[in-house]
């Protein structure tokens, strides 16, 4: 894996961890009204899913690219 693929991989991992932290904080928040909490949790889950899919797609790309070299 070259430097750019490591940077991209690390960026995706960090982004996912940040979103998961925010998701956990939102779920555990006692100050947020339930309707707002539900909306925010769903929005964060969609973002986590998007990053997870991007990571999976990128890993697949790297694997295919390495197999073709």
Protein backbone atom coordinates (compact mmCIF):
# COMPACT_ATOMS: atom_id res chain seq x y z
CA UNK A 1 0.00 0.00 0.00
CA UNK A 2 1.45 3.34 -0.92
CA UNK A 3 1.27 6.54 1.05
CA UNK A 4 -1.86 7.99 -0.59
CA UNK A 5 -3.90 4.84 -0.03
CA UNK A 6 -2.80 4.81 3.61
CA UNK A 7 -3.87 8.44 3.99
CA UNK A 8 -7.28 7.77 2.42
CA UNK A 9 -7.79 4.67 4.54
CA UNK A 10 -6.84 6.52 7.71
CA UNK A 11 -9.10 9.47 6.86
CA UNK A 12 -12.07 7.14 6.39
CA UNK A 13 -11.34 5.32 9.64
CA UNK A 14 -11.02 8.57 11.60
CA UNK A 15 -14.20 9.96 10.05
CA UNK A 16 -16.09 6.80 11.02
CA UNK A 17 -14.77 6.92 14.59
CA UNK A 18 -15.80 10.56 14.95
CA UNK A 19 -19.29 9.82 13.67
CA UNK A 20 -19.63 6.82 15.98
CA UNK A 21 -18.54 8.96 18.93
CA UNK A 22 -21.09 11.62 18.02
CA UNK A 23 -23.74 8.92 17.59
CA UNK A 24 -23.02 7.49 21.03
CA UNK A 25 -23.05 10.95 22.61
CA UNK A 26 -26.38 11.74 20.93
CA UNK A 27 -27.96 8.49 22.06
CA UNK A 28 -26.79 9.04 25.65
CA UNK A 29 -27.76 12.72 25.75
CA UNK A 30 -30.39 13.52 28.35
CA UNK A 31 -30.82 17.14 27.21
CA UNK A 32 -32.05 16.50 23.67
CA UNK A 33 -35.79 16.14 23.05
CA UNK A 34 -36.68 12.65 21.80
CA UNK A 35 -37.87 13.77 18.35
CA UNK A 36 -34.66 15.72 17.76
CA UNK A 37 -32.60 12.82 19.06
CA UNK A 38 -34.29 10.35 16.71
CA UNK A 39 -33.72 12.62 13.70
CA UNK A 40 -30.09 13.20 14.60
CA UNK A 41 -29.42 9.50 15.26
CA UNK A 42 -30.90 8.54 11.88
CA UNK A 43 -28.86 11.24 10.15
CA UNK A 44 -25.68 10.06 11.87
CA UNK A 45 -26.40 6.41 11.05
CA UNK A 46 -26.75 7.36 7.39
CA UNK A 47 -23.39 9.15 7.54
CA UNK A 48 -21.73 6.16 9.23
CA UNK A 49 -23.20 3.89 6.58
CA UNK A 50 -21.90 6.16 3.81
CA UNK A 51 -18.37 6.17 5.24
CA UNK A 52 -18.47 2.42 5.83
CA UNK A 53 -19.53 1.83 2.23
CA UNK A 54 -16.80 4.17 0.98
CA UNK A 55 -14.22 2.28 3.05
CA UNK A 56 -15.43 -1.10 1.74
CA UNK A 57 -15.42 0.16 -1.84
CA UNK A 58 -11.93 1.61 -1.45
CA UNK A 59 -10.60 -1.62 0.07
CA UNK A 60 -12.09 -3.56 -2.82
CA UNK A 61 -10.49 -1.14 -5.29
CA UNK A 62 -7.10 -1.55 -3.62
CA UNK A 63 -7.42 -5.34 -3.58
CA UNK A 64 -8.41 -5.46 -7.26
CA UNK A 65 -5.68 -3.01 -8.18
CA UNK A 66 -3.05 -5.06 -6.32
CA UNK A 67 -4.23 -8.28 -8.00
CA UNK A 68 -3.86 -6.67 -11.43
CA UNK A 69 -0.25 -5.59 -10.89
